[in-house]
């Protein structure tokens, strides 16, 4: 990723919300839910329509106390082959636990038409 943002993050390609962060050494790591501003079919996605699309968690890093931010990666996304996040990702958090970055996040799977949003909370080591 090569996007650099100054004086806040205003992403030209993505809608961002539900941000969480952790400071580690001289870096602030910020994670946020996102959806594209334009669908694969070319339809403009309005912020109020975001729940109609799958979310991705984007990771940013600041080395100057939040004055500027670098986009590091599209960190986590739904995976149809993964039983706990096959439908979507909903929110999360991250912590520095004894020198390791640990992520907690909510994975969504669809069980049936009657149960379209089965939520599970997971922990993952980011290091």
N, C-alpha and C. Protein backbone atom coordinates (compact mmCIF):
# COMPACT_ATOMS: atom_id res chain seq x y z
N UNK A 1 0.85 -1.16 0.00
CA UNK A 1 0.00 0.00 0.00
C UNK A 1 0.90 1.24 0.00
N UNK A 2 0.51 2.23 -0.72
CA UNK A 2 1.36 3.41 -0.81
C UNK A 2 0.63 4.70 -0.45
N UNK A 3 -0.58 4.62 0.08
CA UNK A 3 -1.32 5.83 0.42
C UNK A 3 -0.74 6.48 1.67
N UNK A 4 -0.52 7.79 1.59
CA UNK A 4 -0.06 8.57 2.72
C UNK A 4 -1.08 9.67 2.96
N UNK A 5 -1.50 9.84 4.21
CA UNK A 5 -2.50 10.82 4.59
C UNK A 5 -1.90 11.77 5.62
N UNK A 6 -2.21 13.06 5.50
CA UNK A 6 -1.73 14.06 6.46
C UNK A 6 -2.91 14.81 7.04
N UNK A 7 -2.80 15.16 8.33
CA UNK A 7 -3.86 15.88 9.05
C UNK A 7 -5.18 15.12 9.00
N UNK A 8 -5.14 13.84 9.29
CA UNK A 8 -6.33 13.00 9.28
C UNK A 8 -6.33 12.06 8.09
N UNK A 9 -7.21 11.10 8.12
CA UNK A 9 -7.31 10.12 7.03
C UNK A 9 -8.62 10.37 6.30
N UNK A 10 -8.52 10.81 5.06
CA UNK A 10 -9.67 10.92 4.17
C UNK A 10 -9.33 10.07 2.96
N UNK A 11 -9.85 8.85 2.96
CA UNK A 11 -9.48 7.89 1.93
C UNK A 11 -10.30 8.13 0.67
N UNK A 12 -9.63 8.26 -0.46
CA UNK A 12 -10.31 8.55 -1.73
C UNK A 12 -11.08 7.35 -2.27
N UNK A 13 -10.72 6.13 -1.88
CA UNK A 13 -11.35 4.93 -2.44
C UNK A 13 -12.29 4.20 -1.48
N UNK A 14 -12.22 4.52 -0.19
CA UNK A 14 -12.94 3.74 0.82
C UNK A 14 -13.72 4.62 1.78
N UNK A 15 -14.85 4.11 2.26
CA UNK A 15 -15.53 4.67 3.42
C UNK A 15 -14.92 3.99 4.64
N UNK A 16 -14.60 4.74 5.67
CA UNK A 16 -14.00 4.22 6.90
C UNK A 16 -14.87 4.56 8.10
N UNK A 17 -14.95 3.64 9.07
CA UNK A 17 -15.66 3.88 10.33
C UNK A 17 -15.20 2.85 11.35
N UNK A 18 -15.69 2.96 12.58
CA UNK A 18 -15.34 2.04 13.68
C UNK A 18 -13.83 1.83 13.79
N UNK A 19 -13.11 2.88 14.06
CA UNK A 19 -11.65 2.79 14.18
C UNK A 19 -11.23 2.42 15.60
N UNK A 20 -10.15 1.65 15.73
CA UNK A 20 -9.55 1.33 17.01
C UNK A 20 -8.04 1.37 16.82
N UNK A 21 -7.32 1.67 17.90
CA UNK A 21 -5.87 1.87 17.74
C UNK A 21 -5.12 1.37 18.95
N UNK A 22 -3.81 1.24 18.74
CA UNK A 22 -2.91 0.86 19.82
C UNK A 22 -1.56 1.52 19.55
N UNK A 23 -0.92 1.99 20.60
CA UNK A 23 0.42 2.57 20.47
C UNK A 23 1.43 1.50 20.85
N UNK A 24 2.44 1.37 20.00
CA UNK A 24 3.47 0.37 20.24
C UNK A 24 4.80 1.00 19.89
N UNK A 25 5.67 1.13 20.88
CA UNK A 25 6.94 1.83 20.71
C UNK A 25 6.66 3.23 20.16
N UNK A 26 7.21 3.60 19.03
CA UNK A 26 6.99 4.94 18.47
C UNK A 26 5.89 4.98 17.42
N UNK A 27 5.16 3.89 17.26
CA UNK A 27 4.13 3.82 16.21
C UNK A 27 2.74 3.72 16.82
N UNK A 28 1.79 4.38 16.16
CA UNK A 28 0.38 4.18 16.46
C UNK A 28 -0.18 3.34 15.31
N UNK A 29 -0.76 2.21 15.64
CA UNK A 29 -1.43 1.36 14.65
C UNK A 29 -2.92 1.62 14.77
N UNK A 30 -3.55 1.97 13.66
CA UNK A 30 -4.98 2.26 13.63
C UNK A 30 -5.64 1.28 12.66
N UNK A 31 -6.74 0.71 13.09
CA UNK A 31 -7.50 -0.23 12.28
C UNK A 31 -8.91 0.35 12.11
N UNK A 32 -9.51 0.17 10.94
CA UNK A 32 -10.85 0.70 10.70
C UNK A 32 -11.62 -0.23 9.75
N UNK A 33 -12.92 -0.31 9.96
CA UNK A 33 -13.77 -1.01 9.01
C UNK A 33 -13.88 -0.16 7.75
N UNK A 34 -14.05 -0.83 6.61
CA UNK A 34 -14.14 -0.10 5.35
C UNK A 34 -15.00 -0.83 4.34
N UNK A 35 -15.55 -0.07 3.42
CA UNK A 35 -16.14 -0.59 2.19
C UNK A 35 -15.69 0.36 1.08
N UNK A 36 -15.66 -0.12 -0.15
CA UNK A 36 -15.27 0.76 -1.26
C UNK A 36 -16.32 1.86 -1.47
N UNK A 37 -15.90 2.96 -2.05
CA UNK A 37 -16.83 4.04 -2.39
C UNK A 37 -17.60 3.72 -3.67
N UNK A 38 -17.06 2.77 -4.47
CA UNK A 38 -17.70 2.36 -5.71
C UNK A 38 -17.71 0.82 -5.74
N UNK A 39 -18.86 0.24 -6.05
CA UNK A 39 -18.97 -1.23 -6.09
C UNK A 39 -18.22 -1.78 -7.30
N UNK A 40 -18.03 -3.09 -7.32
CA UNK A 40 -17.38 -3.75 -8.46
C UNK A 40 -18.14 -3.49 -9.76
N UNK A 41 -19.45 -3.30 -9.66
CA UNK A 41 -20.27 -3.02 -10.84
C UNK A 41 -20.31 -1.56 -11.24
N UNK A 42 -19.57 -0.69 -10.53
CA UNK A 42 -19.52 0.72 -10.87
C UNK A 42 -20.57 1.59 -10.18
N UNK A 43 -21.36 1.01 -9.28
CA UNK A 43 -22.38 1.75 -8.54
C UNK A 43 -21.73 2.54 -7.40
N UNK A 44 -22.04 3.85 -7.30
CA UNK A 44 -21.55 4.64 -6.17
C UNK A 44 -22.21 4.12 -4.89
N UNK A 45 -21.39 3.84 -3.88
CA UNK A 45 -21.89 3.36 -2.60
C UNK A 45 -21.96 4.55 -1.65
N UNK A 46 -23.15 4.80 -1.12
CA UNK A 46 -23.33 5.88 -0.16
C UNK A 46 -23.08 5.33 1.25
N UNK A 47 -22.59 6.15 2.17
CA UNK A 47 -22.28 5.64 3.52
C UNK A 47 -23.42 4.88 4.18
N UNK A 48 -24.64 5.33 3.97
CA UNK A 48 -25.78 4.65 4.60
C UNK A 48 -26.06 3.28 3.98
N UNK A 49 -25.43 2.97 2.85
CA UNK A 49 -25.60 1.67 2.20
C UNK A 49 -24.52 0.66 2.59
N UNK A 50 -23.59 1.05 3.44
CA UNK A 50 -22.42 0.20 3.70
C UNK A 50 -22.77 -1.18 4.23
N UNK A 51 -23.89 -1.31 4.96
CA UNK A 51 -24.25 -2.62 5.51
C UNK A 51 -24.71 -3.60 4.45
N UNK A 52 -24.86 -3.15 3.23
CA UNK A 52 -25.23 -4.03 2.13
C UNK A 52 -24.01 -4.68 1.48
N UNK A 53 -22.82 -4.36 1.97
CA UNK A 53 -21.56 -4.84 1.38
C UNK A 53 -20.71 -5.51 2.44
N UNK A 54 -19.75 -6.30 2.00
CA UNK A 54 -18.82 -6.93 2.93
C UNK A 54 -17.78 -5.91 3.37
N UNK A 55 -17.39 -5.98 4.64
CA UNK A 55 -16.43 -5.06 5.23
C UNK A 55 -15.02 -5.63 5.14
N UNK A 56 -14.06 -4.73 5.09
CA UNK A 56 -12.65 -5.09 5.19
C UNK A 56 -12.05 -4.24 6.31
N UNK A 57 -11.13 -4.81 7.06
CA UNK A 57 -10.40 -4.02 8.06
C UNK A 57 -9.12 -3.52 7.40
N UNK A 58 -8.92 -2.21 7.47
CA UNK A 58 -7.73 -1.56 6.91
C UNK A 58 -6.82 -1.16 8.06
N UNK A 59 -5.53 -1.36 7.87
CA UNK A 59 -4.54 -1.01 8.90
C UNK A 59 -3.71 0.18 8.43
N UNK A 60 -3.59 1.18 9.32
CA UNK A 60 -2.78 2.37 9.08
C UNK A 60 -1.73 2.47 10.19
N UNK A 61 -0.67 3.23 9.91
CA UNK A 61 0.37 3.44 10.92
C UNK A 61 0.83 4.88 10.89
N UNK A 62 1.05 5.45 12.08
CA UNK A 62 1.61 6.79 12.20
C UNK A 62 2.88 6.72 13.05
N UNK A 63 3.92 7.37 12.55
CA UNK A 63 5.19 7.43 13.30
C UNK A 63 5.42 8.82 13.87
N UNK A 64 4.43 9.73 13.70
CA UNK A 64 4.59 11.11 14.17
C UNK A 64 3.39 11.57 15.00
N UNK A 65 2.90 10.67 15.86
CA UNK A 65 1.81 10.96 16.78
C UNK A 65 0.50 11.34 16.10
N UNK A 66 0.24 10.78 14.93
CA UNK A 66 -1.02 10.99 14.25
C UNK A 66 -1.08 12.18 13.31
N UNK A 67 0.05 12.83 13.07
CA UNK A 67 0.07 13.94 12.11
C UNK A 67 -0.07 13.40 10.69
N UNK A 68 0.59 12.28 10.40
CA UNK A 68 0.46 11.63 9.10
C UNK A 68 0.26 10.13 9.31
N UNK A 69 -0.39 9.51 8.31
CA UNK A 69 -0.72 8.09 8.40
C UNK A 69 -0.35 7.41 7.09
N UNK A 70 0.23 6.23 7.19
CA UNK A 70 0.50 5.39 6.02
C UNK A 70 -0.47 4.22 6.03
N UNK A 71 -1.05 3.92 4.87
CA UNK A 71 -1.90 2.74 4.75
C UNK A 71 -0.98 1.53 4.64
N UNK A 72 -1.11 0.61 5.58
CA UNK A 72 -0.22 -0.55 5.64
C UNK A 72 -0.78 -1.73 4.85
N UNK A 73 -2.07 -2.05 5.09
CA UNK A 73 -2.61 -3.23 4.42
C UNK A 73 -4.13 -3.28 4.54
N UNK A 74 -4.71 -4.05 3.65
CA UNK A 74 -6.10 -4.49 3.82
C UNK A 74 -5.96 -5.71 4.72
N UNK A 75 -6.22 -5.50 5.95
CA UNK A 75 -5.81 -6.43 7.00
C UNK A 75 -6.68 -7.69 7.09
N UNK A 76 -7.96 -7.53 7.15
CA UNK A 76 -8.84 -8.70 7.32
C UNK A 76 -10.08 -8.49 6.45
N UNK A 77 -10.57 -9.57 5.86
CA UNK A 77 -11.74 -9.49 4.99
C UNK A 77 -12.51 -10.80 5.08
N UNK A 78 -13.79 -10.79 4.69
CA UNK A 78 -14.56 -12.04 4.69
C UNK A 78 -13.90 -13.09 3.80
N UNK A 79 -14.05 -14.33 4.17
CA UNK A 79 -13.44 -15.44 3.43
C UNK A 79 -14.45 -16.58 3.38
N UNK A 80 -14.98 -16.86 2.20
CA UNK A 80 -16.02 -17.89 2.07
C UNK A 80 -15.55 -19.27 2.52
N UNK A 81 -14.24 -19.49 2.52
CA UNK A 81 -13.70 -20.78 2.94
C UNK A 81 -13.45 -20.86 4.45
N UNK A 82 -13.69 -19.76 5.15
CA UNK A 82 -13.43 -19.71 6.59
C UNK A 82 -14.76 -19.77 7.34
N UNK A 83 -14.95 -20.76 8.16
CA UNK A 83 -16.25 -20.97 8.80
C UNK A 83 -16.68 -19.81 9.69
N UNK A 84 -15.77 -19.10 10.31
CA UNK A 84 -16.17 -18.06 11.26
C UNK A 84 -16.24 -16.65 10.66
N UNK A 85 -15.74 -16.42 9.47
CA UNK A 85 -15.85 -15.10 8.86
C UNK A 85 -16.24 -15.21 7.38
N UNK A 86 -17.10 -16.16 7.09
CA UNK A 86 -17.47 -16.41 5.70
C UNK A 86 -18.39 -15.34 5.13
N UNK A 87 -19.17 -14.66 5.96
CA UNK A 87 -20.12 -13.67 5.44
C UNK A 87 -19.63 -12.23 5.59
N UNK A 88 -19.01 -11.92 6.74
CA UNK A 88 -18.56 -10.55 6.95
C UNK A 88 -17.67 -10.46 8.18
N UNK A 89 -17.14 -9.26 8.39
CA UNK A 89 -16.35 -8.90 9.58
C UNK A 89 -17.06 -7.73 10.23
N UNK A 90 -17.30 -7.80 11.53
CA UNK A 90 -17.94 -6.69 12.23
C UNK A 90 -17.07 -6.28 13.40
N UNK A 91 -16.46 -5.15 13.30
CA UNK A 91 -15.74 -4.47 14.37
C UNK A 91 -14.62 -5.32 14.98
N UNK A 92 -13.96 -4.74 15.97
CA UNK A 92 -12.85 -5.41 16.59
C UNK A 92 -12.11 -4.50 17.53
N UNK A 93 -10.97 -4.95 17.98
CA UNK A 93 -10.08 -4.15 18.81
C UNK A 93 -8.70 -4.78 18.73
N UNK A 94 -7.71 -4.05 19.22
CA UNK A 94 -6.34 -4.54 19.20
C UNK A 94 -5.64 -4.05 20.47
N UNK A 95 -4.71 -4.86 20.97
CA UNK A 95 -3.98 -4.50 22.18
C UNK A 95 -2.54 -4.99 22.07
N UNK A 96 -1.66 -4.30 22.77
CA UNK A 96 -0.28 -4.74 22.91
C UNK A 96 -0.24 -5.58 24.18
N UNK A 97 -0.07 -6.88 24.03
CA UNK A 97 -0.08 -7.80 25.16
C UNK A 97 1.31 -8.41 25.30
N UNK A 98 2.04 -7.94 26.28
CA UNK A 98 3.40 -8.43 26.53
C UNK A 98 4.28 -8.34 25.29
N UNK A 99 4.16 -7.23 24.55
CA UNK A 99 5.00 -7.01 23.38
C UNK A 99 4.48 -7.58 22.07
N UNK A 100 3.33 -8.24 22.10
CA UNK A 100 2.73 -8.78 20.88
C UNK A 100 1.41 -8.07 20.61
N UNK A 101 1.16 -7.76 19.34
CA UNK A 101 -0.13 -7.20 18.98
C UNK A 101 -1.15 -8.33 18.89
N UNK A 102 -2.25 -8.17 19.63
CA UNK A 102 -3.31 -9.17 19.66
C UNK A 102 -4.60 -8.49 19.19
N UNK A 103 -5.27 -9.13 18.26
CA UNK A 103 -6.51 -8.60 17.69
C UNK A 103 -7.70 -9.43 18.15
N UNK A 104 -8.77 -8.74 18.51
CA UNK A 104 -10.06 -9.39 18.74
C UNK A 104 -11.00 -8.85 17.67
N UNK A 105 -11.78 -9.71 17.05
CA UNK A 105 -12.71 -9.25 16.02
C UNK A 105 -13.94 -10.15 15.99
N UNK A 106 -15.00 -9.61 15.42
CA UNK A 106 -16.24 -10.36 15.28
C UNK A 106 -16.34 -10.87 13.85
N UNK A 107 -16.41 -12.16 13.69
CA UNK A 107 -16.63 -12.78 12.39
C UNK A 107 -18.09 -13.16 12.25
N UNK A 108 -18.60 -13.02 11.05
CA UNK A 108 -20.01 -13.32 10.78
C UNK A 108 -20.09 -14.46 9.77
N UNK A 109 -20.92 -15.44 10.08
CA UNK A 109 -21.23 -16.49 9.11
C UNK A 109 -22.74 -16.57 8.97
N UNK A 110 -23.18 -17.01 7.82
CA UNK A 110 -24.61 -17.18 7.58
C UNK A 110 -24.93 -18.65 7.77
N UNK A 111 -25.79 -18.92 8.75
CA UNK A 111 -26.16 -20.30 9.05
C UNK A 111 -27.31 -20.76 8.16
N UNK A 112 -28.30 -19.88 8.01
CA UNK A 112 -29.49 -20.19 7.20
C UNK A 112 -30.22 -18.88 6.93
N UNK A 113 -31.28 -18.94 6.14
CA UNK A 113 -32.08 -17.73 5.88
C UNK A 113 -32.68 -17.19 7.17
N UNK A 114 -32.98 -18.07 8.11
CA UNK A 114 -33.53 -17.66 9.40
C UNK A 114 -32.47 -17.12 10.34
N UNK A 115 -31.22 -17.48 10.11
CA UNK A 115 -30.10 -17.04 10.95
C UNK A 115 -28.99 -16.49 10.05
N UNK A 116 -29.19 -15.30 9.47
CA UNK A 116 -28.21 -14.79 8.50
C UNK A 116 -26.96 -14.15 9.11
N UNK A 117 -26.95 -13.89 10.43
CA UNK A 117 -25.82 -13.19 11.03
C UNK A 117 -25.37 -13.88 12.31
N UNK A 118 -24.77 -15.04 12.21
CA UNK A 118 -24.24 -15.74 13.37
C UNK A 118 -22.89 -15.12 13.71
N UNK A 119 -22.80 -14.52 14.90
CA UNK A 119 -21.58 -13.81 15.31
C UNK A 119 -20.70 -14.68 16.18
N UNK A 120 -19.40 -14.57 15.96
CA UNK A 120 -18.41 -15.23 16.79
C UNK A 120 -17.28 -14.25 17.03
N UNK A 121 -16.73 -14.24 18.23
CA UNK A 121 -15.62 -13.35 18.56
C UNK A 121 -14.35 -14.18 18.59
N UNK A 122 -13.31 -13.66 17.93
CA UNK A 122 -12.05 -14.39 17.80
C UNK A 122 -10.87 -13.54 18.23
N UNK A 123 -9.81 -14.22 18.64
CA UNK A 123 -8.53 -13.59 18.96
C UNK A 123 -7.49 -14.06 17.97
N UNK A 124 -6.61 -13.14 17.58
CA UNK A 124 -5.57 -13.47 16.63
C UNK A 124 -4.31 -12.71 16.99
N UNK A 125 -3.19 -13.37 16.93
CA UNK A 125 -1.89 -12.73 17.15
C UNK A 125 -1.45 -12.09 15.85
N UNK A 126 -1.16 -10.79 15.86
CA UNK A 126 -0.78 -10.08 14.63
C UNK A 126 0.71 -10.13 14.36
N UNK A 127 1.49 -10.59 15.29
CA UNK A 127 2.95 -10.64 15.09
C UNK A 127 3.40 -11.96 14.50
